[in-house]
Amino acid sequence: MLIEQRTYQLKPGAMHEFLRAYQEEGLPIQGEALGNLIGYFKPETGDINRVIQLWGYASFEDRAQRRAALSNDPKWRAFLGKNAHMVEAQQVELLSAAPFSPIR
């Protein structure tokens, strides 16, 4: 399994609005295209103006196909157009499991 960790740095004060918009509009669109949401998190300490998503994929090719489908979805593009103003930065990391990891 390949895990994609996406961290979005939000503008201060945007957390509540971002989470509402994502839950109501973004997640249904993204979930349909990407398929395997492992978790969605917000820090309770440290830099609290972030959200972290973990998505699971069968392979790099699976991820590439699913991300391409999402990028081409007009509903997703409309969601980004309405909500991108709340995001300051984005970081993506692709993780593969160590042989002893309980998530494989």
Protein backbone atom coordinates (compact mmCIF):
# COMPACT_ATOMS: atom_id res chain seq x y z
CA MET A 1 0.00 0.00 0.00
CA LEU A 2 1.08 3.53 -0.74
CA ILE A 3 -0.04 6.24 1.67
CA GLU A 4 -0.24 9.87 0.63
CA GLN A 5 0.01 12.40 3.44
CA ARG A 6 -1.29 15.82 2.43
CA THR A 7 -0.78 18.72 4.79
CA TYR A 8 -2.59 21.98 4.11
CA GLN A 9 -1.39 25.10 5.89
CA LEU A 10 -4.47 27.25 6.45
CA LYS A 11 -4.73 30.97 6.99
CA PRO A 12 -5.17 31.84 10.67
CA GLY A 13 -8.86 31.80 11.56
CA ALA A 14 -9.89 29.70 8.54
CA MET A 15 -10.05 26.27 10.22
CA HIS A 16 -13.78 26.21 11.04
CA GLU A 17 -14.86 27.43 7.60
CA PHE A 18 -12.41 25.13 5.79
CA LEU A 19 -13.53 22.02 7.68
CA ARG A 20 -17.20 22.83 7.10
CA ALA A 21 -16.70 23.39 3.38
CA TYR A 22 -14.54 20.31 3.00
CA GLN A 23 -16.93 18.03 4.90
CA GLU A 24 -20.00 19.27 3.02
CA GLU A 25 -18.58 19.67 -0.49
CA GLY A 26 -14.97 18.58 -0.90
CA LEU A 27 -14.97 15.19 0.81
CA PRO A 28 -17.83 13.71 -1.22
CA ILE A 29 -16.07 14.67 -4.46
CA GLN A 30 -12.61 13.63 -3.33
CA GLY A 31 -13.84 10.46 -1.67
CA GLU A 32 -15.53 9.29 -4.85
CA ALA A 33 -12.38 9.81 -6.93
CA LEU A 34 -9.68 8.76 -4.47
CA GLY A 35 -11.54 6.04 -2.61
CA ASN A 36 -9.56 5.20 0.53
CA LEU A 37 -9.48 7.95 3.14
CA ILE A 38 -7.44 6.57 6.03
CA GLY A 39 -7.80 9.62 8.22
CA TYR A 40 -8.30 13.38 8.42
CA PHE A 41 -6.66 15.25 11.28
CA LYS A 42 -6.17 18.67 12.83
CA PRO A 43 -3.41 19.31 15.37
CA GLU A 44 -4.31 20.10 18.96
CA THR A 45 -0.82 21.44 19.76
CA GLY A 46 1.99 23.09 17.84
CA ASP A 47 1.06 24.63 14.50
CA ILE A 48 -2.71 24.42 14.78
CA ASN A 49 -3.49 26.09 11.45
CA ARG A 50 -3.10 22.84 9.49
CA VAL A 51 -5.12 19.86 8.38
CA ILE A 52 -3.59 16.52 7.49
CA GLN A 53 -5.16 13.95 5.19
CA LEU A 54 -4.03 10.35 4.74
CA TRP A 55 -5.15 8.57 1.57
CA GLY A 56 -4.35 4.95 0.71
CA TYR A 57 -3.57 3.63 -2.77
CA ALA A 58 -2.74 0.19 -4.13
CA SER A 59 0.28 1.55 -6.07
CA PHE A 60 1.88 4.65 -7.58
CA GLU A 61 -0.09 3.96 -10.77
CA ASP A 62 -3.37 3.71 -8.85
CA ARG A 63 -2.63 7.06 -7.20
CA ALA A 64 -1.72 8.71 -10.52
CA GLN A 65 -4.94 7.54 -12.17
CA ARG A 66 -7.15 8.57 -9.27
CA ARG A 67 -5.48 11.99 -8.85
CA ALA A 68 -5.81 12.63 -12.60
CA ALA A 69 -9.52 11.78 -12.49
CA LEU A 70 -9.99 14.15 -9.54
CA SER A 71 -8.08 16.96 -11.26
CA ASN A 72 -10.32 16.64 -14.32
CA ASP A 73 -13.56 16.69 -12.33
CA PRO A 74 -15.39 20.01 -12.87
CA LYS A 75 -17.04 19.73 -9.43
CA TRP A 76 -13.60 19.47 -7.80
CA ARG A 77 -12.31 22.47 -9.77
CA ALA A 78 -15.33 24.49 -8.67
CA PHE A 79 -14.75 23.49 -5.03
CA LEU A 80 -11.10 24.58 -5.26
CA GLY A 81 -12.11 27.87 -6.85
CA LYS A 82 -14.44 28.66 -3.94
CA ASN A 83 -12.14 27.54 -1.14
CA ALA A 84 -8.50 27.94 -2.20
CA HIS A 85 -8.36 31.37 -0.56
CA MET A 86 -8.18 29.66 2.85
CA VAL A 87 -5.02 27.66 2.03
CA GLU A 88 -1.56 29.20 2.30
CA ALA A 89 0.56 26.17 1.39
CA GLN A 90 0.37 22.46 0.70
CA GLN A 91 2.84 19.65 1.23
CA VAL A 92 2.54 16.11 -0.11
CA GLU A 93 4.51 13.08 1.04
CA LEU A 94 4.22 9.55 -0.34
CA LEU A 95 4.86 6.87 2.27
CA SER A 96 5.42 3.15 1.91
CA ALA A 97 5.11 0.77 4.84
CA ALA A 98 8.05 -0.77 6.64
CA PRO A 99 7.90 -4.59 6.66
CA PHE A 100 6.57 -4.65 10.25
CA SER A 101 3.98 -1.88 9.90
CA PRO A 102 0.44 -2.83 10.93
CA ILE A 103 -0.84 -0.77 7.98
CA ARG A 104 0.42 -2.38 4.79
